Amino acid sequence: MTESQVRHCGDDAVFAHDLRDEGQPEAEFNPGIAARLPRKNAAAGVLARDEHDQVLFVSPTYKPFLEIPGGLVEDDESPLAACRREVREELGIDLTVGRLLLVDWLPAHGVWRDSLQFVFDGGVLSREQISAISLAGDELSGFEFLDLEVAQSQLRPSKARRIALAHRALLAGETFYGEFGRRLG
């Protein structure tokens, strides 16, 4: 991917222009089939670290487990754009979101549909960035930097595997594909 292509990823104006260039959508061969196709949820988050390679975790007010900064992808929003938006909303800072580290599939569980989880590189935060964090009070009650082993007891098992897998992808300089936090291939 060229530097120009990377700069435009997640840019709403570029996306709108590209969508116009696509022309008219194709007609359904069998009317009504598109409405019957399954829909997946998607979420995107960042693996951000401090100078000691500890991972940034946030404490949601609506669940008992830690999360990484990020959230659900909205309709007609790319995972990268969602990641940038959610980080800005949750932390109150504009973070440079780097390369994709992991795409992880989660099966349906309870009331929740199956989903795709995208984890991007959030980089190493400077002391200035950390001190500028201003949490979304209605959504988050705190944040902390933790070693993965320490955080594991405060994460769902699949989330612990997913974050560890994203960290391995970061160190390997690769992008991994996983299913329920386990690497395939």
N, C-alpha and C. Protein backbone atom coordinates (compact mmCIF):
# COMPACT_ATOMS: atom_id res chain seq x y z
N MET A 1 0.84 -1.16 0.00
CA MET A 1 0.00 0.00 0.00
C MET A 1 0.90 1.24 0.00
N THR A 2 0.59 2.19 -0.83
CA THR A 2 1.39 3.40 -0.89
C THR A 2 1.07 4.31 0.28
N GLU A 3 1.97 5.26 0.56
CA GLU A 3 1.73 6.21 1.64
C GLU A 3 0.47 7.01 1.39
N SER A 4 0.20 7.37 0.14
CA SER A 4 -1.00 8.11 -0.20
C SER A 4 -2.26 7.29 0.10
N GLN A 5 -2.22 6.01 -0.20
CA GLN A 5 -3.37 5.16 0.09
C GLN A 5 -3.59 5.05 1.59
N VAL A 6 -2.52 4.93 2.36
CA VAL A 6 -2.64 4.83 3.80
C VAL A 6 -3.24 6.10 4.38
N ARG A 7 -2.79 7.27 3.91
CA ARG A 7 -3.30 8.54 4.41
C ARG A 7 -4.80 8.67 4.19
N HIS A 8 -5.32 8.08 3.13
CA HIS A 8 -6.73 8.25 2.80
C HIS A 8 -7.63 7.20 3.44
N CYS A 9 -7.05 6.15 4.00
CA CYS A 9 -7.87 5.14 4.67
C CYS A 9 -8.61 5.78 5.83
N GLY A 10 -9.91 5.55 5.90
CA GLY A 10 -10.71 6.10 6.98
C GLY A 10 -11.12 7.55 6.76
N ASP A 11 -10.79 8.16 5.63
CA ASP A 11 -11.14 9.55 5.34
C ASP A 11 -12.53 9.57 4.71
N ASP A 12 -13.49 10.23 5.35
CA ASP A 12 -14.88 10.25 4.88
C ASP A 12 -15.02 10.84 3.49
N ALA A 13 -14.29 11.93 3.19
CA ALA A 13 -14.41 12.57 1.88
C ALA A 13 -13.88 11.65 0.78
N VAL A 14 -12.77 10.99 1.03
CA VAL A 14 -12.22 10.06 0.05
C VAL A 14 -13.17 8.89 -0.14
N PHE A 15 -13.74 8.39 0.95
CA PHE A 15 -14.68 7.28 0.89
C PHE A 15 -15.90 7.67 0.04
N ALA A 16 -16.46 8.87 0.27
CA ALA A 16 -17.63 9.31 -0.50
C ALA A 16 -17.29 9.43 -1.98
N HIS A 17 -16.11 9.95 -2.29
CA HIS A 17 -15.68 10.07 -3.68
C HIS A 17 -15.53 8.69 -4.32
N ASP A 18 -14.89 7.77 -3.60
CA ASP A 18 -14.71 6.41 -4.11
C ASP A 18 -16.05 5.72 -4.33
N LEU A 19 -17.00 5.96 -3.44
CA LEU A 19 -18.33 5.35 -3.57
C LEU A 19 -19.04 5.89 -4.80
N ARG A 20 -18.92 7.19 -5.06
CA ARG A 20 -19.50 7.78 -6.28
C ARG A 20 -18.87 7.16 -7.52
N ASP A 21 -17.55 6.94 -7.47
CA ASP A 21 -16.85 6.35 -8.62
C ASP A 21 -17.32 4.93 -8.93
N GLU A 22 -17.87 4.25 -7.94
CA GLU A 22 -18.36 2.88 -8.16
C GLU A 22 -19.54 2.84 -9.11
N GLY A 23 -20.26 3.96 -9.22
CA GLY A 23 -21.43 3.98 -10.09
C GLY A 23 -22.65 3.40 -9.39
N GLN A 24 -23.67 3.12 -10.18
CA GLN A 24 -24.91 2.58 -9.63
C GLN A 24 -24.69 1.19 -9.05
N PRO A 25 -25.33 0.92 -7.91
CA PRO A 25 -25.22 -0.43 -7.35
C PRO A 25 -25.86 -1.44 -8.29
N GLU A 26 -25.37 -2.66 -8.24
CA GLU A 26 -25.97 -3.69 -9.09
C GLU A 26 -27.34 -4.05 -8.55
N ALA A 27 -28.22 -4.43 -9.47
CA ALA A 27 -29.57 -4.84 -9.08
C ALA A 27 -29.52 -6.24 -8.49
N GLU A 28 -30.44 -6.52 -7.58
CA GLU A 28 -30.52 -7.86 -7.01
C GLU A 28 -31.01 -8.83 -8.08
N PHE A 29 -30.33 -9.92 -8.22
CA PHE A 29 -30.75 -10.94 -9.17
C PHE A 29 -32.05 -11.58 -8.69
N ASN A 30 -32.11 -11.85 -7.39
CA ASN A 30 -33.32 -12.37 -6.75
C ASN A 30 -33.80 -11.31 -5.77
N PRO A 31 -34.85 -10.56 -6.13
CA PRO A 31 -35.32 -9.48 -5.25
C PRO A 31 -35.57 -9.96 -3.82
N GLY A 32 -35.06 -9.18 -2.86
CA GLY A 32 -35.24 -9.48 -1.45
C GLY A 32 -34.13 -10.31 -0.83
N ILE A 33 -33.22 -10.82 -1.65
CA ILE A 33 -32.17 -11.69 -1.11
C ILE A 33 -31.22 -10.92 -0.20
N ALA A 34 -30.91 -9.68 -0.55
CA ALA A 34 -29.97 -8.91 0.27
C ALA A 34 -30.47 -8.72 1.69
N ALA A 35 -31.78 -8.54 1.86
CA ALA A 35 -32.35 -8.35 3.19
C ALA A 35 -32.28 -9.63 4.03
N ARG A 36 -32.16 -10.78 3.36
CA ARG A 36 -32.12 -12.05 4.09
C ARG A 36 -30.70 -12.50 4.42
N LEU A 37 -29.70 -11.81 3.91
CA LEU A 37 -28.32 -12.19 4.18
C LEU A 37 -27.94 -11.89 5.63
N PRO A 38 -27.06 -12.70 6.21
CA PRO A 38 -26.65 -12.44 7.60
C PRO A 38 -25.86 -11.14 7.71
N ARG A 39 -25.95 -10.54 8.88
CA ARG A 39 -25.18 -9.32 9.16
C ARG A 39 -24.30 -9.60 10.36
N LYS A 40 -23.06 -9.18 10.27
CA LYS A 40 -22.12 -9.35 11.37
C LYS A 40 -21.89 -8.00 12.04
N ASN A 41 -21.64 -8.05 13.32
CA ASN A 41 -21.17 -6.87 14.02
C ASN A 41 -19.66 -6.79 13.82
N ALA A 42 -19.13 -5.60 13.96
CA ALA A 42 -17.69 -5.40 13.90
C ALA A 42 -17.31 -4.39 14.96
N ALA A 43 -16.14 -4.56 15.52
CA ALA A 43 -15.60 -3.62 16.50
C ALA A 43 -14.13 -3.40 16.17
N ALA A 44 -13.62 -2.25 16.59
CA ALA A 44 -12.21 -1.93 16.33
C ALA A 44 -11.62 -1.26 17.56
N GLY A 45 -10.40 -1.65 17.89
CA GLY A 45 -9.72 -1.07 19.03
C GLY A 45 -8.23 -0.94 18.78
N VAL A 46 -7.55 -0.31 19.73
CA VAL A 46 -6.11 -0.11 19.61
C VAL A 46 -5.34 -0.81 20.71
N LEU A 47 -4.19 -1.29 20.32
CA LEU A 47 -3.22 -1.81 21.27
C LEU A 47 -2.22 -0.67 21.49
N ALA A 48 -2.51 0.15 22.49
CA ALA A 48 -1.63 1.28 22.83
C ALA A 48 -0.81 0.88 24.04
N ARG A 49 0.43 1.34 24.08
CA ARG A 49 1.34 0.96 25.15
C ARG A 49 2.03 2.18 25.75
N ASP A 50 2.60 1.96 26.93
CA ASP A 50 3.42 3.01 27.53
C ASP A 50 4.89 2.69 27.27
N GLU A 51 5.79 3.48 27.81
CA GLU A 51 7.22 3.32 27.56
C GLU A 51 7.78 2.00 28.09
N HIS A 52 7.02 1.30 28.95
CA HIS A 52 7.45 0.02 29.51
C HIS A 52 6.79 -1.17 28.80
N ASP A 53 6.13 -0.90 27.66
CA ASP A 53 5.42 -1.90 26.86
C ASP A 53 4.21 -2.48 27.59
N GLN A 54 3.69 -1.75 28.58
CA GLN A 54 2.45 -2.16 29.21
C GLN A 54 1.30 -1.68 28.34
N VAL A 55 0.22 -2.45 28.30
CA VAL A 55 -0.92 -2.17 27.43
C VAL A 55 -1.92 -1.26 28.15
N LEU A 56 -2.48 -0.32 27.40
CA LEU A 56 -3.51 0.58 27.93
C LEU A 56 -4.85 -0.15 27.95
N PHE A 57 -5.42 -0.24 29.15
CA PHE A 57 -6.75 -0.81 29.33
C PHE A 57 -7.67 0.25 29.91
N VAL A 58 -8.95 0.17 29.53
CA VAL A 58 -9.96 1.07 30.08
C VAL A 58 -10.97 0.24 30.85
N SER A 59 -11.61 0.87 31.83
CA SER A 59 -12.63 0.22 32.66
C SER A 59 -14.00 0.76 32.26
N PRO A 60 -14.77 -0.03 31.50
CA PRO A 60 -16.12 0.42 31.12
C PRO A 60 -17.05 0.48 32.33
N THR A 61 -17.99 1.39 32.30
CA THR A 61 -18.97 1.50 33.38
C THR A 61 -20.10 0.49 33.21
N TYR A 62 -20.17 -0.15 32.05
CA TYR A 62 -21.31 -1.02 31.72
C TYR A 62 -20.97 -2.51 31.70
N LYS A 63 -19.76 -2.88 32.11
CA LYS A 63 -19.40 -4.30 32.19
C LYS A 63 -18.27 -4.48 33.19
N PRO A 64 -18.13 -5.70 33.72
CA PRO A 64 -17.15 -5.92 34.78
C PRO A 64 -15.73 -6.24 34.31
N PHE A 65 -15.49 -6.24 33.01
CA PHE A 65 -14.18 -6.61 32.48
C PHE A 65 -13.48 -5.41 31.85
N LEU A 66 -12.15 -5.45 31.84
CA LEU A 66 -11.36 -4.42 31.16
C LEU A 66 -11.52 -4.55 29.65
N GLU A 67 -11.25 -3.47 28.95
CA GLU A 67 -11.27 -3.42 27.49
C GLU A 67 -10.06 -2.64 27.02
N ILE A 68 -9.76 -2.74 25.73
CA ILE A 68 -8.82 -1.81 25.13
C ILE A 68 -9.66 -0.68 24.54
N PRO A 69 -9.08 0.51 24.35
CA PRO A 69 -9.86 1.60 23.77
C PRO A 69 -10.38 1.21 22.38
N GLY A 70 -11.63 1.55 22.12
CA GLY A 70 -12.26 1.24 20.84
C GLY A 70 -13.73 0.99 21.02
N GLY A 71 -14.36 0.46 19.99
CA GLY A 71 -15.80 0.20 20.09
C GLY A 71 -16.37 -0.29 18.79
N LEU A 72 -17.70 -0.28 18.73
CA LEU A 72 -18.42 -0.82 17.58
C LEU A 72 -18.26 0.05 16.34
N VAL A 73 -18.22 -0.61 15.21
CA VAL A 73 -18.19 0.05 13.90
C VAL A 73 -19.63 0.36 13.53
N GLU A 74 -19.90 1.60 13.20
CA GLU A 74 -21.25 2.01 12.82
C GLU A 74 -21.51 1.70 11.35
N ASP A 75 -22.78 1.76 10.94
CA ASP A 75 -23.13 1.53 9.53
C ASP A 75 -22.37 2.52 8.65
N ASP A 76 -21.88 2.04 7.54
CA ASP A 76 -21.14 2.85 6.56
C ASP A 76 -19.90 3.52 7.14
N GLU A 77 -19.28 2.88 8.11
CA GLU A 77 -18.05 3.38 8.71
C GLU A 77 -17.01 2.27 8.60
N SER A 78 -15.81 2.61 8.22
CA SER A 78 -14.76 1.60 8.14
C SER A 78 -14.26 1.26 9.55
N PRO A 79 -13.68 0.08 9.72
CA PRO A 79 -13.11 -0.24 11.03
C PRO A 79 -12.04 0.77 11.47
N LEU A 80 -11.21 1.24 10.55
CA LEU A 80 -10.19 2.23 10.90
C LEU A 80 -10.82 3.54 11.36
N ALA A 81 -11.82 4.02 10.62
CA ALA A 81 -12.49 5.26 11.02
C ALA A 81 -13.18 5.09 12.37
N ALA A 82 -13.79 3.93 12.60
CA ALA A 82 -14.44 3.67 13.89
C ALA A 82 -13.41 3.67 15.02
N CYS A 83 -12.28 3.07 14.77
CA CYS A 83 -11.23 3.02 15.78
C CYS A 83 -10.78 4.44 16.15
N ARG A 84 -10.52 5.25 15.15
CA ARG A 84 -10.10 6.63 15.41
C ARG A 84 -11.18 7.40 16.18
N ARG A 85 -12.44 7.24 15.76
CA ARG A 85 -13.55 7.94 16.41
C ARG A 85 -13.70 7.49 17.86
N GLU A 86 -13.73 6.19 18.06
CA GLU A 86 -13.94 5.66 19.41
C GLU A 86 -12.81 6.07 20.36
N VAL A 87 -11.57 6.03 19.89
CA VAL A 87 -10.44 6.43 20.74
C VAL A 87 -10.56 7.91 21.11
N ARG A 88 -10.93 8.73 20.14
CA ARG A 88 -11.10 10.17 20.41
C ARG A 88 -12.24 10.39 21.41
N GLU A 89 -13.36 9.68 21.22
CA GLU A 89 -14.50 9.83 22.12
C GLU A 89 -14.18 9.32 23.52
N GLU A 90 -13.52 8.18 23.61
CA GLU A 90 -13.27 7.56 24.91
C GLU A 90 -12.13 8.21 25.69
N LEU A 91 -11.06 8.57 25.00
CA LEU A 91 -9.86 9.08 25.67
C LEU A 91 -9.68 10.59 25.56
N GLY A 92 -10.42 11.22 24.66
CA GLY A 92 -10.31 12.66 24.50
C GLY A 92 -9.02 13.11 23.84
N ILE A 93 -8.31 12.20 23.18
CA ILE A 93 -7.08 12.55 22.46
C ILE A 93 -7.15 11.99 21.05
N ASP A 94 -6.46 12.66 20.13
CA ASP A 94 -6.31 12.14 18.77
C ASP A 94 -5.05 11.31 18.75
N LEU A 95 -5.24 10.03 18.61
CA LEU A 95 -4.15 9.08 18.62
C LEU A 95 -3.85 8.67 17.19
N THR A 96 -2.59 8.58 16.83
CA THR A 96 -2.23 8.09 15.52
C THR A 96 -2.46 6.57 15.53
N VAL A 97 -3.42 6.14 14.75
CA VAL A 97 -3.74 4.72 14.68
C VAL A 97 -2.90 4.13 13.56
N GLY A 98 -2.09 3.14 13.91
CA GLY A 98 -1.17 2.53 12.96
C GLY A 98 -1.77 1.34 12.23
N ARG A 99 -0.90 0.43 11.88
CA ARG A 99 -1.29 -0.69 11.02
C ARG A 99 -2.20 -1.69 11.73
N LEU A 100 -2.91 -2.45 10.93
CA LEU A 100 -3.77 -3.50 11.44
C LEU A 100 -2.91 -4.64 11.97
N LEU A 101 -3.16 -5.04 13.20
CA LEU A 101 -2.42 -6.13 13.82
C LEU A 101 -3.18 -7.45 13.73
N LEU A 102 -4.49 -7.38 13.90
CA LEU A 102 -5.26 -8.61 14.04
C LEU A 102 -6.70 -8.42 13.58
N VAL A 103 -7.22 -9.42 12.89
CA VAL A 103 -8.65 -9.58 12.67
C VAL A 103 -9.01 -10.88 13.38
N ASP A 104 -9.95 -10.79 14.32
CA ASP A 104 -10.33 -11.94 15.13
C ASP A 104 -11.84 -12.13 15.03
N TRP A 105 -12.25 -13.36 14.72
CA TRP A 105 -13.67 -13.68 14.65
C TRP A 105 -14.13 -14.22 16.00
N LEU A 106 -15.30 -13.73 16.45
CA LEU A 106 -15.92 -14.22 17.67
C LEU A 106 -17.23 -14.89 17.31
N PRO A 107 -17.50 -16.06 17.88
CA PRO A 107 -18.78 -16.72 17.63
C PRO A 107 -19.91 -16.01 18.38
N ALA A 108 -21.14 -16.29 17.98
CA ALA A 108 -22.29 -15.77 18.71
C ALA A 108 -22.22 -16.31 20.14
N HIS A 109 -22.61 -15.46 21.09
CA HIS A 109 -22.55 -15.88 22.50
C HIS A 109 -23.68 -15.18 23.23
N GLY A 110 -24.63 -15.94 23.77
CA GLY A 110 -25.77 -15.34 24.45
C GLY A 110 -26.59 -14.51 23.47
N VAL A 111 -26.86 -13.27 23.83
CA VAL A 111 -27.67 -12.40 22.97
C VAL A 111 -26.84 -11.75 21.86
N TRP A 112 -25.51 -11.91 21.89
CA TRP A 112 -24.63 -11.20 20.96
C TRP A 112 -24.37 -12.02 19.71
N ARG A 113 -24.45 -11.36 18.56
CA ARG A 113 -24.16 -11.97 17.26
C ARG A 113 -22.67 -12.28 17.16
N ASP A 114 -22.33 -13.10 16.16
CA ASP A 114 -20.92 -13.27 15.88
C ASP A 114 -20.37 -11.95 15.34
N SER A 115 -19.08 -11.76 15.47
CA SER A 115 -18.51 -10.47 15.09
C SER A 115 -17.07 -10.60 14.64
N LEU A 116 -16.61 -9.56 13.99
CA LEU A 116 -15.21 -9.41 13.63
C LEU A 116 -14.62 -8.31 14.50
N GLN A 117 -13.47 -8.60 15.09
CA GLN A 117 -12.78 -7.67 15.97
C GLN A 117 -11.47 -7.26 15.30
N PHE A 118 -11.30 -5.97 15.05
CA PHE A 118 -10.09 -5.45 14.42
C PHE A 118 -9.25 -4.77 15.50
N VAL A 119 -7.98 -5.14 15.58
CA VAL A 119 -7.08 -4.51 16.54
C VAL A 119 -5.96 -3.83 15.75
N PHE A 120 -5.82 -2.52 15.96
CA PHE A 120 -4.81 -1.71 15.29
C PHE A 120 -3.71 -1.34 16.28
N ASP A 121 -2.56 -0.99 15.74
CA ASP A 121 -1.44 -0.53 16.56
C ASP A 121 -1.71 0.90 17.01
N GLY A 122 -1.77 1.10 18.32
CA GLY A 122 -1.98 2.44 18.87
C GLY A 122 -0.68 3.13 19.24
N GLY A 123 0.44 2.43 19.04
CA GLY A 123 1.74 3.02 19.30
C GLY A 123 2.06 3.13 20.78
N VAL A 124 3.19 3.77 21.04
CA VAL A 124 3.65 4.03 22.41
C VAL A 124 3.25 5.46 22.75
N LEU A 125 2.47 5.61 23.79
CA LEU A 125 2.00 6.93 24.19
C LEU A 125 3.07 7.65 25.01
N SER A 126 3.25 8.92 24.70
CA SER A 126 4.20 9.74 25.46
C SER A 126 3.56 10.12 26.80
N ARG A 127 4.37 10.60 27.70
CA ARG A 127 3.85 11.05 28.99
C ARG A 127 2.85 12.19 28.81
N GLU A 128 3.11 13.04 27.80
CA GLU A 128 2.19 14.16 27.52
C GLU A 128 0.84 13.63 27.05
N GLN A 129 0.86 12.62 26.17
CA GLN A 129 -0.41 12.05 25.69
C GLN A 129 -1.16 11.40 26.85
N ILE A 130 -0.45 10.68 27.69
CA ILE A 130 -1.09 10.01 28.82
C ILE A 130 -1.72 11.04 29.77
N SER A 131 -1.01 12.12 30.04
CA SER A 131 -1.56 13.14 30.95
C SER A 131 -2.72 13.90 30.31
N ALA A 132 -2.83 13.87 28.99
CA ALA A 132 -3.93 14.57 28.29
C ALA A 132 -5.19 13.72 28.19
N ILE A 133 -5.12 12.45 28.60
CA ILE A 133 -6.30 11.59 28.51
C ILE A 133 -7.42 12.14 29.38
N SER A 134 -8.59 12.28 28.77
CA SER A 134 -9.78 12.76 29.46
C SER A 134 -10.90 11.77 29.14
N LEU A 135 -11.21 10.90 30.07
CA LEU A 135 -12.14 9.81 29.83
C LEU A 135 -13.57 10.28 29.63
N ALA A 136 -14.28 9.55 28.75
CA ALA A 136 -15.71 9.76 28.56
C ALA A 136 -16.39 9.25 29.83
N GLY A 137 -16.79 10.16 30.71
CA GLY A 137 -17.30 9.82 32.03
C GLY A 137 -18.52 8.93 32.04
N ASP A 138 -19.36 9.04 31.03
CA ASP A 138 -20.56 8.21 31.01
C ASP A 138 -20.27 6.78 30.56
N GLU A 139 -19.09 6.56 30.03
CA GLU A 139 -18.76 5.25 29.44
C GLU A 139 -17.60 4.55 30.15
N LEU A 140 -16.65 5.33 30.64
CA LEU A 140 -15.44 4.76 31.26
C LEU A 140 -15.22 5.34 32.65
N SER A 141 -14.79 4.46 33.56
CA SER A 141 -14.52 4.93 34.93
C SER A 141 -13.03 5.05 35.23
N GLY A 142 -12.18 4.54 34.34
CA GLY A 142 -10.76 4.63 34.59
C GLY A 142 -9.94 4.01 33.48
N PHE A 143 -8.62 4.18 33.60
CA PHE A 143 -7.70 3.54 32.66
C PHE A 143 -6.43 3.21 33.42
N GLU A 144 -5.71 2.22 32.91
CA GLU A 144 -4.43 1.85 33.50
C GLU A 144 -3.59 1.09 32.47
N PHE A 145 -2.29 1.14 32.68
CA PHE A 145 -1.36 0.39 31.85
C PHE A 145 -0.96 -0.85 32.64
N LEU A 146 -1.13 -2.02 32.02
CA LEU A 146 -0.85 -3.28 32.70
C LEU A 146 -0.07 -4.23 31.81
N ASP A 147 0.74 -5.08 32.43
CA ASP A 147 1.34 -6.19 31.71
C ASP A 147 0.22 -7.15 31.35
N LEU A 148 0.36 -7.84 30.24
CA LEU A 148 -0.69 -8.76 29.81
C LEU A 148 -1.00 -9.82 30.86
N GLU A 149 0.02 -10.32 31.52
CA GLU A 149 -0.19 -11.37 32.53
C GLU A 149 -1.01 -10.85 33.71
N VAL A 150 -0.76 -9.61 34.10
CA VAL A 150 -1.49 -9.01 35.22
C VAL A 150 -2.94 -8.75 34.82
N ALA A 151 -3.17 -8.30 33.61
CA ALA A 151 -4.51 -7.96 33.14
C ALA A 151 -5.37 -9.19 32.90
N GLN A 152 -4.75 -10.32 32.65
CA GLN A 152 -5.48 -11.53 32.26
C GLN A 152 -6.64 -11.87 33.20
N SER A 153 -6.47 -11.72 34.48
CA SER A 153 -7.53 -12.06 35.43
C SER A 153 -8.71 -11.10 35.37
N GLN A 154 -8.53 -9.95 34.70
CA GLN A 154 -9.59 -8.95 34.59
C GLN A 154 -10.19 -8.92 33.19
N LEU A 155 -9.89 -9.95 32.39
CA LEU A 155 -10.37 -10.04 31.00
C LEU A 155 -11.11 -11.35 30.80
N ARG A 156 -12.05 -11.34 29.87
CA ARG A 156 -12.64 -12.61 29.44
C ARG A 156 -11.50 -13.41 28.80
N PRO A 157 -11.54 -14.74 28.87
CA PRO A 157 -10.46 -15.54 28.29
C PRO A 157 -10.19 -15.25 26.81
N SER A 158 -11.26 -15.07 26.03
CA SER A 158 -11.07 -14.80 24.60
C SER A 158 -10.42 -13.44 24.37
N LYS A 159 -10.76 -12.46 25.21
CA LYS A 159 -10.16 -11.12 25.11
C LYS A 159 -8.68 -11.18 25.47
N ALA A 160 -8.33 -11.93 26.50
CA ALA A 160 -6.93 -12.08 26.89
C ALA A 160 -6.14 -12.72 25.75
N ARG A 161 -6.71 -13.75 25.13
CA ARG A 161 -6.03 -14.39 23.99
C ARG A 161 -5.90 -13.41 22.83
N ARG A 162 -6.96 -12.62 22.56
CA ARG A 162 -6.95 -11.68 21.43
C ARG A 162 -5.88 -10.61 21.62
N ILE A 163 -5.79 -10.05 22.81
CA ILE A 163 -4.81 -8.99 23.05
C ILE A 163 -3.39 -9.55 23.00
N ALA A 164 -3.20 -10.74 23.55
CA ALA A 164 -1.88 -11.38 23.48
C ALA A 164 -1.51 -11.67 22.02
N LEU A 165 -2.48 -12.10 21.23
CA LEU A 165 -2.23 -12.39 19.82
C LEU A 165 -1.90 -11.11 19.05
N ALA A 166 -2.62 -10.04 19.34
CA ALA A 166 -2.33 -8.75 18.70
C ALA A 166 -0.92 -8.29 19.08
N HIS A 167 -0.53 -8.50 20.32
CA HIS A 167 0.81 -8.11 20.77
C HIS A 167 1.88 -8.93 20.04
N ARG A 168 1.62 -10.22 19.85
CA ARG A 168 2.56 -11.06 19.10
C ARG A 168 2.67 -10.59 17.65
N ALA A 169 1.55 -10.20 17.05
CA ALA A 169 1.56 -9.68 15.68
C ALA A 169 2.38 -8.39 15.61
N LEU A 170 2.23 -7.54 16.62
CA LEU A 170 3.02 -6.31 16.69
C LEU A 170 4.51 -6.62 16.69
N LEU A 171 4.91 -7.53 17.58
CA LEU A 171 6.33 -7.88 17.70
C LEU A 171 6.86 -8.57 16.44
N ALA A 172 6.01 -9.33 15.76
CA ALA A 172 6.42 -10.05 14.55
C ALA A 172 6.41 -9.15 13.32
N GLY A 173 5.80 -7.96 13.43
CA GLY A 173 5.69 -7.08 12.27
C GLY A 173 4.74 -7.62 11.23
N GLU A 174 3.75 -8.38 11.67
CA GLU A 174 2.79 -9.03 10.76
C GLU A 174 1.37 -8.67 11.16
N THR A 175 0.43 -9.09 10.33
CA THR A 175 -0.98 -9.03 10.64
C THR A 175 -1.46 -10.46 10.76
N PHE A 176 -2.15 -10.77 11.85
CA PHE A 176 -2.63 -12.12 12.11
C PHE A 176 -4.13 -12.20 11.91
N TYR A 177 -4.59 -13.41 11.62
CA TYR A 177 -6.01 -13.73 11.62
C TYR A 177 -6.24 -14.72 12.74
N GLY A 178 -7.29 -14.49 13.53
CA GLY A 178 -7.60 -15.39 14.62
C GLY A 178 -9.08 -15.72 14.67
N GLU A 179 -9.39 -16.76 15.42
CA GLU A 179 -10.77 -17.13 15.69
C GLU A 179 -10.88 -17.36 17.18
N PHE A 180 -11.68 -16.50 17.82
CA PHE A 180 -11.91 -16.55 19.27
C PHE A 180 -10.59 -16.42 20.03
N GLY A 181 -9.70 -15.59 19.47
CA GLY A 181 -8.42 -15.32 20.11
C GLY A 181 -7.32 -16.32 19.85
N ARG A 182 -7.59 -17.27 18.96
CA ARG A 182 -6.58 -18.27 18.63
C ARG A 182 -6.13 -18.10 17.18
N ARG A 183 -4.83 -18.05 16.97
CA ARG A 183 -4.28 -17.81 15.64
C ARG A 183 -4.47 -19.04 14.76
N LEU A 184 -4.89 -18.76 13.54
CA LEU A 184 -4.97 -19.81 12.53
C LEU A 184 -3.88 -19.57 11.50
N GLY A 185 -3.34 -20.61 11.02
CA GLY A 185 -2.34 -20.50 9.97
C GLY A 185 -0.95 -20.24 10.47
